[in-house]
Amino acid sequence: MSDWVYIRTEPQLWTVGHYDGDGKFRPESDHGSPEEAAAHIRRLNGGADESKADDYLSDILAVIRDIRDDLRAIRNAMEA
């Protein structure tokens, strides 16, 4: 399949799809902005939803803090 693209199909409508081997556009979904269409393409291509990036980062930082705390506890136990 060709790469996913979006095109403006109406004044406030962007359609995600791809071009087939004959050059015909094959629509997959419609979106209300080019940003929404681009985000959908990222998801179709297996990428993360950028709107959730802050949540992912918070989760990662929490895990790092837990590991740090565990390492401190191990160090303190070894020094005791």
PDB file of N, CA and C in Angstrom:
ATOM      1  N   MET A   1       0.839  -1.175   0.000  1.00  0.00           N
ATOM      2  CA  MET A   1       0.000   0.000   0.000  1.00  0.00           C
ATOM      3  C   MET A   1       0.882   1.237   0.000  1.00  0.00           C
ATOM      4  N   SER A   2       0.395   2.282  -0.611  1.00  0.00           N
ATOM      5  CA  SER A   2       1.097   3.556  -0.609  1.00  0.00           C
ATOM      6  C   SER A   2       1.058   4.171   0.776  1.00  0.00           C
ATOM      7  N   ASP A   3       1.844   5.207   0.949  1.00  0.00           N
ATOM      8  CA  ASP A   3       1.851   5.917   2.220  1.00  0.00           C
ATOM      9  C   ASP A   3       0.507   6.590   2.468  1.00  0.00           C
ATOM     10  N   TRP A   4       0.165   6.732   3.749  1.00  0.00           N
ATOM     11  CA  TRP A   4      -1.051   7.448   4.128  1.00  0.00           C
ATOM     12  C   TRP A   4      -0.824   8.937   3.924  1.00  0.00           C
ATOM     13  N   VAL A   5      -1.834   9.603   3.418  1.00  0.00           N
ATOM     14  CA  VAL A   5      -1.798  11.047   3.203  1.00  0.00           C
ATOM     15  C   VAL A   5      -3.150  11.618   3.619  1.00  0.00           C
ATOM     16  N   TYR A   6      -3.208  12.941   3.739  1.00  0.00           N
ATOM     17  CA  TYR A   6      -4.510  13.568   3.900  1.00  0.00           C
ATOM     18  C   TYR A   6      -4.646  14.672   2.876  1.00  0.00           C
ATOM     19  N   ILE A   7      -5.864  14.853   2.426  1.00  0.00           N
ATOM     20  CA  ILE A   7      -6.164  15.903   1.457  1.00  0.00           C
ATOM     21  C   ILE A   7      -7.382  16.678   1.953  1.00  0.00           C
ATOM     22  N   ARG A   8      -7.445  17.930   1.576  1.00  0.00           N
ATOM     23  CA  ARG A   8      -8.606  18.745   1.924  1.00  0.00           C
ATOM     24  C   ARG A   8      -9.693  18.441   0.897  1.00  0.00           C
ATOM     25  N   THR A   9     -10.802  17.892   1.393  1.00  0.00           N
ATOM     26  CA  THR A   9     -11.864  17.479   0.482  1.00  0.00           C
ATOM     27  C   THR A   9     -13.063  18.424   0.506  1.00  0.00           C
ATOM     28  N   GLU A  10     -13.160  19.232   1.556  1.00  0.00           N
ATOM     29  CA  GLU A  10     -14.192  20.260   1.689  1.00  0.00           C
ATOM     30  C   GLU A  10     -13.569  21.397   2.485  1.00  0.00           C
ATOM     31  N   PRO A  11     -14.249  22.559   2.567  1.00  0.00           N
ATOM     32  CA  PRO A  11     -13.635  23.694   3.265  1.00  0.00           C
ATOM     33  C   PRO A  11     -13.136  23.378   4.683  1.00  0.00           C
ATOM     34  N   GLN A  12     -13.830  22.558   5.447  1.00  0.00           N
ATOM     35  CA  GLN A  12     -13.407  22.224   6.808  1.00  0.00           C
ATOM     36  C   GLN A  12     -13.309  20.713   7.010  1.00  0.00           C
ATOM     37  N   LEU A  13     -12.886  19.996   5.967  1.00  0.00           N
ATOM     38  CA  LEU A  13     -12.807  18.543   6.046  1.00  0.00           C
ATOM     39  C   LEU A  13     -11.525  18.051   5.394  1.00  0.00           C
ATOM     40  N   TRP A  14     -10.778  17.254   6.155  1.00  0.00           N
ATOM     41  CA  TRP A  14      -9.552  16.658   5.655  1.00  0.00           C
ATOM     42  C   TRP A  14      -9.722  15.151   5.700  1.00  0.00           C
ATOM     43  N   THR A  15      -9.466  14.510   4.569  1.00  0.00           N
ATOM     44  CA  THR A  15      -9.679  13.076   4.434  1.00  0.00           C
ATOM     45  C   THR A  15      -8.342  12.353   4.388  1.00  0.00           C
ATOM     46  N   VAL A  16      -8.209  11.346   5.237  1.00  0.00           N
ATOM     47  CA  VAL A  16      -7.019  10.492   5.263  1.00  0.00           C
ATOM     48  C   VAL A  16      -7.274   9.314   4.344  1.00  0.00           C
ATOM     49  N   GLY A  17      -6.266   8.947   3.602  1.00  0.00           N
ATOM     50  CA  GLY A  17      -6.369   7.803   2.712  1.00  0.00           C
ATOM     51  C   GLY A  17      -5.025   7.524   2.063  1.00  0.00           C
ATOM     52  N   HIS A  18      -5.073   6.804   0.974  1.00  0.00           N
ATOM     53  CA  HIS A  18      -3.850   6.509   0.219  1.00  0.00           C
ATOM     54  C   HIS A  18      -4.212   6.386  -1.252  1.00  0.00           C
ATOM     55  N   TYR A  19      -3.203   6.484  -2.081  1.00  0.00           N
ATOM     56  CA  TYR A  19      -3.396   6.310  -3.521  1.00  0.00           C
ATOM     57  C   TYR A  19      -3.061   4.870  -3.881  1.00  0.00           C
ATOM     58  N   ASP A  20      -3.964   4.248  -4.639  1.00  0.00           N
ATOM     59  CA  ASP A  20      -3.707   2.866  -5.042  1.00  0.00           C
ATOM     60  C   ASP A  20      -2.758   2.842  -6.232  1.00  0.00           C
ATOM     61  N   GLY A  21      -2.477   1.660  -6.717  1.00  0.00           N
ATOM     62  CA  GLY A  21      -1.537   1.493  -7.823  1.00  0.00           C
ATOM     63  C   GLY A  21      -1.949   2.188  -9.105  1.00  0.00           C
ATOM     64  N   ASP A  22      -3.264   2.449  -9.254  1.00  0.00           N
ATOM     65  CA  ASP A  22      -3.763   3.139 -10.438  1.00  0.00           C
ATOM     66  C   ASP A  22      -3.835   4.649 -10.241  1.00  0.00           C
ATOM     67  N   GLY A  23      -3.378   5.124  -9.067  1.00  0.00           N
ATOM     68  CA  GLY A  23      -3.391   6.558  -8.796  1.00  0.00           C
ATOM     69  C   GLY A  23      -4.715   7.072  -8.264  1.00  0.00           C
ATOM     70  N   LYS A  24      -5.619   6.159  -7.917  1.00  0.00           N
ATOM     71  CA  LYS A  24      -6.912   6.568  -7.380  1.00  0.00           C
ATOM     72  C   LYS A  24      -6.816   6.723  -5.865  1.00  0.00           C
ATOM     73  N   PHE A  25      -7.346   7.835  -5.337  1.00  0.00           N
ATOM     74  CA  PHE A  25      -7.336   8.076  -3.906  1.00  0.00           C
ATOM     75  C   PHE A  25      -8.359   7.186  -3.225  1.00  0.00           C
ATOM     76  N   ARG A  26      -7.918   6.455  -2.205  1.00  0.00           N
ATOM     77  CA  ARG A  26      -8.784   5.562  -1.448  1.00  0.00           C
ATOM     78  C   ARG A  26      -8.952   6.135  -0.040  1.00  0.00           C
ATOM     79  N   PRO A  27     -10.108   6.757   0.253  1.00  0.00           N
ATOM     80  CA  PRO A  27     -10.307   7.377   1.568  1.00  0.00           C
ATOM     81  C   PRO A  27     -10.423   6.344   2.683  1.00  0.00           C
ATOM     82  N   GLU A  28      -9.954   6.732   3.869  1.00  0.00           N
ATOM     83  CA  GLU A  28     -10.025   5.864   5.047  1.00  0.00           C
ATOM     84  C   GLU A  28     -10.853   6.520   6.158  1.00  0.00           C
ATOM     85  N   SER A  29     -10.694   7.845   6.351  1.00  0.00           N
ATOM     86  CA  SER A  29     -11.430   8.538   7.411  1.00  0.00           C
ATOM     87  C   SER A  29     -11.413  10.045   7.154  1.00  0.00           C
ATOM     88  N   ASP A  30     -12.350  10.748   7.798  1.00  0.00           N
ATOM     89  CA  ASP A  30     -12.455  12.208   7.673  1.00  0.00           C
ATOM     90  C   ASP A  30     -12.166  12.868   9.013  1.00  0.00           C
ATOM     91  N   HIS A  31     -11.600  14.093   8.944  1.00  0.00           N
ATOM     92  CA  HIS A  31     -11.197  14.816  10.149  1.00  0.00           C
ATOM     93  C   HIS A  31     -11.490  16.299   9.990  1.00  0.00           C
ATOM     94  N   GLY A  32     -11.685  16.959  11.126  1.00  0.00           N
ATOM     95  CA  GLY A  32     -12.075  18.360  11.119  1.00  0.00           C
ATOM     96  C   GLY A  32     -10.941  19.353  11.019  1.00  0.00           C
ATOM     97  N   SER A  33      -9.703  18.878  11.048  1.00  0.00           N
ATOM     98  CA  SER A  33      -8.555  19.781  10.915  1.00  0.00           C
ATOM     99  C   SER A  33      -7.382  18.998  10.344  1.00  0.00           C
ATOM    100  N   PRO A  34      -6.420  19.709   9.771  1.00  0.00           N
ATOM    101  CA  PRO A  34      -5.241  19.007   9.265  1.00  0.00           C
ATOM    102  C   PRO A  34      -4.428  18.383  10.401  1.00  0.00           C
ATOM    103  N   GLU A  35      -4.451  19.001  11.596  1.00  0.00           N
ATOM    104  CA  GLU A  35      -3.735  18.441  12.738  1.00  0.00           C
ATOM    105  C   GLU A  35      -4.330  17.097  13.153  1.00  0.00           C
ATOM    106  N   GLU A  36      -5.671  17.016  13.176  1.00  0.00           N
ATOM    107  CA  GLU A  36      -6.326  15.745  13.506  1.00  0.00           C
ATOM    108  C   GLU A  36      -6.006  14.679  12.467  1.00  0.00           C
ATOM    109  N   ALA A  37      -6.007  15.074  11.201  1.00  0.00           N
ATOM    110  CA  ALA A  37      -5.692  14.123  10.129  1.00  0.00           C
ATOM    111  C   ALA A  37      -4.255  13.625  10.255  1.00  0.00           C
ATOM    112  N   ALA A  38      -3.325  14.538  10.535  1.00  0.00           N
ATOM    113  CA  ALA A  38      -1.914  14.149  10.682  1.00  0.00           C
ATOM    114  C   ALA A  38      -1.729  13.223  11.882  1.00  0.00           C
ATOM    115  N   ALA A  39      -2.425  13.514  12.990  1.00  0.00           N
ATOM    116  CA  ALA A  39      -2.336  12.647  14.170  1.00  0.00           C
ATOM    117  C   ALA A  39      -2.863  11.249  13.852  1.00  0.00           C
ATOM    118  N   HIS A  40      -3.932  11.183  13.071  1.00  0.00           N
ATOM    119  CA  HIS A  40      -4.490   9.879  12.701  1.00  0.00           C
ATOM    120  C   HIS A  40      -3.502   9.112  11.824  1.00  0.00           C
ATOM    121  N   ILE A  41      -2.837   9.793  10.926  1.00  0.00           N
ATOM    122  CA  ILE A  41      -1.833   9.142  10.083  1.00  0.00           C
ATOM    123  C   ILE A  41      -0.710   8.579  10.943  1.00  0.00           C
ATOM    124  N   ARG A  42      -0.270   9.342  11.943  1.00  0.00           N
ATOM    125  CA  ARG A  42       0.776   8.825  12.838  1.00  0.00           C
ATOM    126  C   ARG A  42       0.320   7.536  13.515  1.00  0.00           C
ATOM    127  N   ARG A  43      -0.949   7.501  13.964  1.00  0.00           N
ATOM    128  CA  ARG A  43      -1.466   6.279  14.600  1.00  0.00           C
ATOM    129  C   ARG A  43      -1.522   5.126  13.599  1.00  0.00           C
ATOM    130  N   LEU A  44      -1.965   5.411  12.373  1.00  0.00           N
ATOM    131  CA  LEU A  44      -2.028   4.361  11.356  1.00  0.00           C
ATOM    132  C   LEU A  44      -0.646   3.779  11.072  1.00  0.00           C
ATOM    133  N   ASN A  45       0.363   4.628  11.162  1.00  0.00           N
ATOM    134  CA  ASN A  45       1.731   4.190  10.904  1.00  0.00           C
ATOM    135  C   ASN A  45       2.392   3.590  12.138  1.00  0.00           C
ATOM    136  N   GLY A  46       1.613   3.417  13.216  1.00  0.00           N
ATOM    137  CA  GLY A  46       2.145   2.777  14.407  1.00  0.00           C
ATOM    138  C   GLY A  46       2.804   3.712  15.389  1.00  0.00           C
ATOM    139  N   GLY A  47       2.692   5.014  15.155  1.00  0.00           N
ATOM    140  CA  GLY A  47       3.290   5.980  16.068  1.00  0.00           C
ATOM    141  C   GLY A  47       2.381   6.289  17.238  1.00  0.00           C
ATOM    142  N   ALA A  48       2.954   6.931  18.231  1.00  0.00           N
ATOM    143  CA  ALA A  48       2.188   7.305  19.423  1.00  0.00           C
ATOM    144  C   ALA A  48       1.345   8.546  19.153  1.00  0.00           C
ATOM    145  N   ASP A  49       0.294   8.633  19.907  1.00  0.00           N
ATOM    146  CA  ASP A  49      -0.568   9.805  19.880  1.00  0.00           C
ATOM    147  C   ASP A  49       0.135  10.903  20.668  1.00  0.00           C
ATOM    148  N   GLU A  50       0.567  11.972  19.995  1.00  0.00           N
ATOM    149  CA  GLU A  50       1.322  13.024  20.658  1.00  0.00           C
ATOM    150  C   GLU A  50       0.546  13.705  21.771  1.00  0.00           C
ATOM    151  N   SER A  51      -0.773  13.674  21.697  1.00  0.00           N
ATOM    152  CA  SER A  51      -1.554  14.327  22.739  1.00  0.00           C
ATOM    153  C   SER A  51      -1.384  13.609  24.080  1.00  0.00           C
ATOM    154  N   LYS A  52      -0.865  12.387  24.055  1.00  0.00           N
ATOM    155  CA  LYS A  52      -0.656  11.629  25.289  1.00  0.00           C
ATOM    156  C   LYS A  52       0.806  11.615  25.718  1.00  0.00           C
ATOM    157  N   ALA A  53       1.656  12.365  25.028  1.00  0.00           N
ATOM    158  CA  ALA A  53       3.086  12.353  25.324  1.00  0.00           C
ATOM    159  C   ALA A  53       3.370  12.790  26.750  1.00  0.00           C
ATOM    160  N   ASP A  54       2.672  13.811  27.250  1.00  0.00           N
ATOM    161  CA  ASP A  54       2.899  14.267  28.618  1.00  0.00           C
ATOM    162  C   ASP A  54       2.539  13.186  29.620  1.00  0.00           C
ATOM    163  N   ASP A  55       1.464  12.435  29.345  1.00  0.00           N
ATOM    164  CA  ASP A  55       1.087  11.340  30.239  1.00  0.00           C
ATOM    165  C   ASP A  55       2.167  10.258  30.251  1.00  0.00           C
ATOM    166  N   TYR A  56       2.700   9.928  29.067  1.00  0.00           N
ATOM    167  CA  TYR A  56       3.752   8.914  28.985  1.00  0.00           C
ATOM    168  C   TYR A  56       4.981   9.376  29.759  1.00  0.00           C
ATOM    169  N   LEU A  57       5.345  10.641  29.584  1.00  0.00           N
ATOM    170  CA  LEU A  57       6.519  11.174  30.258  1.00  0.00           C
ATOM    171  C   LEU A  57       6.324  11.130  31.768  1.00  0.00           C
ATOM    172  N   SER A  58       5.152  11.498  32.261  1.00  0.00           N
ATOM    173  CA  SER A  58       4.875  11.446  33.695  1.00  0.00           C
ATOM    174  C   SER A  58       5.006  10.030  34.229  1.00  0.00           C
ATOM    175  N   ASP A  59       4.496   9.060  33.469  1.00  0.00           N
ATOM    176  CA  ASP A  59       4.600   7.656  33.881  1.00  0.00           C
ATOM    177  C   ASP A  59       6.060   7.210  33.945  1.00  0.00           C
ATOM    178  N   ILE A  60       6.833   7.594  32.961  1.00  0.00           N
ATOM    179  CA  ILE A  60       8.248   7.211  32.923  1.00  0.00           C
ATOM    180  C   ILE A  60       8.996   7.834  34.095  1.00  0.00           C
ATOM    181  N   LEU A  61       8.724   9.110  34.366  1.00  0.00           N
ATOM    182  CA  LEU A  61       9.394   9.770  35.486  1.00  0.00           C
ATOM    183  C   LEU A  61       9.029   9.124  36.818  1.00  0.00           C
ATOM    184  N   ALA A  62       7.794   8.696  36.972  1.00  0.00           N
ATOM    185  CA  ALA A  62       7.375   8.024  38.199  1.00  0.00           C
ATOM    186  C   ALA A  62       8.137   6.710  38.378  1.00  0.00           C
ATOM    187  N   VAL A  63       8.325   5.960  37.305  1.00  0.00           N
ATOM    188  CA  VAL A  63       9.085   4.710  37.381  1.00  0.00           C
ATOM    189  C   VAL A  63      10.536   5.001  37.750  1.00  0.00           C
ATOM    190  N   ILE A  64      11.109   6.030  37.161  1.00  0.00           N
ATOM    191  CA  ILE A  64      12.498   6.388  37.472  1.00  0.00           C
ATOM    192  C   ILE A  64      12.636   6.768  38.947  1.00  0.00           C
ATOM    193  N   ARG A  65      11.677   7.528  39.473  1.00  0.00           N
ATOM    194  CA  ARG A  65      11.718   7.902  40.896  1.00  0.00           C
ATOM    195  C   ARG A  65      11.611   6.656  41.786  1.00  0.00           C
ATOM    196  N   ASP A  66      10.755   5.715  41.406  1.00  0.00           N
ATOM    197  CA  ASP A  66      10.625   4.474  42.177  1.00  0.00           C
ATOM    198  C   ASP A  66      11.937   3.690  42.179  1.00  0.00           C
ATOM    199  N   ILE A  67      12.581   3.603  41.027  1.00  0.00           N
ATOM    200  CA  ILE A  67      13.864   2.893  40.940  1.00  0.00           C
ATOM    201  C   ILE A  67      14.909   3.597  41.804  1.00  0.00           C
ATOM    202  N   ARG A  68      14.947   4.925  41.717  1.00  0.00           N
ATOM    203  CA  ARG A  68      15.887   5.694  42.543  1.00  0.00           C
ATOM    204  C   ARG A  68      15.667   5.396  44.021  1.00  0.00           C
ATOM    205  N   ASP A  69      14.415   5.424  44.441  1.00  0.00           N
ATOM    206  CA  ASP A  69      14.104   5.169  45.846  1.00  0.00           C
ATOM    207  C   ASP A  69      14.502   3.754  46.253  1.00  0.00           C
ATOM    208  N   ASP A  70      14.252   2.784  45.381  1.00  0.00           N
ATOM    209  CA  ASP A  70      14.638   1.398  45.669  1.00  0.00           C
ATOM    210  C   ASP A  70      16.151   1.277  45.790  1.00  0.00           C
ATOM    211  N   LEU A  71      16.884   1.931  44.894  1.00  0.00           N
ATOM    212  CA  LEU A  71      18.350   1.874  44.960  1.00  0.00           C
ATOM    213  C   LEU A  71      18.877   2.523  46.228  1.00  0.00           C
ATOM    214  N   ARG A  72      18.268   3.622  46.640  1.00  0.00           N
ATOM    215  CA  ARG A  72      18.671   4.262  47.898  1.00  0.00           C
ATOM    216  C   ARG A  72      18.424   3.326  49.079  1.00  0.00           C
ATOM    217  N   ALA A  73      17.276   2.656  49.067  1.00  0.00           N
ATOM    218  CA  ALA A  73      16.970   1.734  50.162  1.00  0.00           C
ATOM    219  C   ALA A  73      17.958   0.576  50.188  1.00  0.00           C
ATOM    220  N   ILE A  74      18.339   0.058  49.051  1.00  0.00           N
ATOM    221  CA  ILE A  74      19.325  -1.031  48.978  1.00  0.00           C
ATOM    222  C   ILE A  74      20.679  -0.533  49.490  1.00  0.00           C
ATOM    223  N   ARG A  75      21.076   0.653  49.064  1.00  0.00           N
ATOM    224  CA  ARG A  75      22.358   1.203  49.511  1.00  0.00           C
ATOM    225  C   ARG A  75      22.373   1.389  51.027  1.00  0.00           C
ATOM    226  N   ASN A  76      21.267   1.940  51.550  1.00  0.00           N
ATOM    227  CA  ASN A  76      21.188   2.158  52.996  1.00  0.00           C
ATOM    228  C   ASN A  76      21.222   0.841  53.754  1.00  0.00           C
ATOM    229  N   ALA A  77      20.568  -0.186  53.224  1.00  0.00           N
ATOM    230  CA  ALA A  77      20.588  -1.497  53.867  1.00  0.00           C
ATOM    231  C   ALA A  77      21.981  -2.102  53.854  1.00  0.00           C
ATOM    232  N   MET A  78      22.710  -1.896  52.780  1.00  0.00           N
ATOM    233  CA  MET A  78      24.062  -2.442  52.674  1.00  0.00           C
ATOM    234  C   MET A  78      25.030  -1.703  53.594  1.00  0.00           C
ATOM    235  N   GLU A  79      24.787  -0.437  53.819  1.00  0.00           N
ATOM    236  CA  GLU A  79      25.664   0.366  54.679  1.00  0.00           C
ATOM    237  C   GLU A  79      25.369   0.141  56.160  1.00  0.00           C
ATOM    238  N   ALA A  80      24.204  -0.400  56.454  1.00  0.00           N
ATOM    239  CA  ALA A  80      23.819  -0.597  57.869  1.00  0.00           C
ATOM    240  C   ALA A  80      24.512  -1.771  58.493  1.00  0.00           C
TER     241      ALA A  80
END
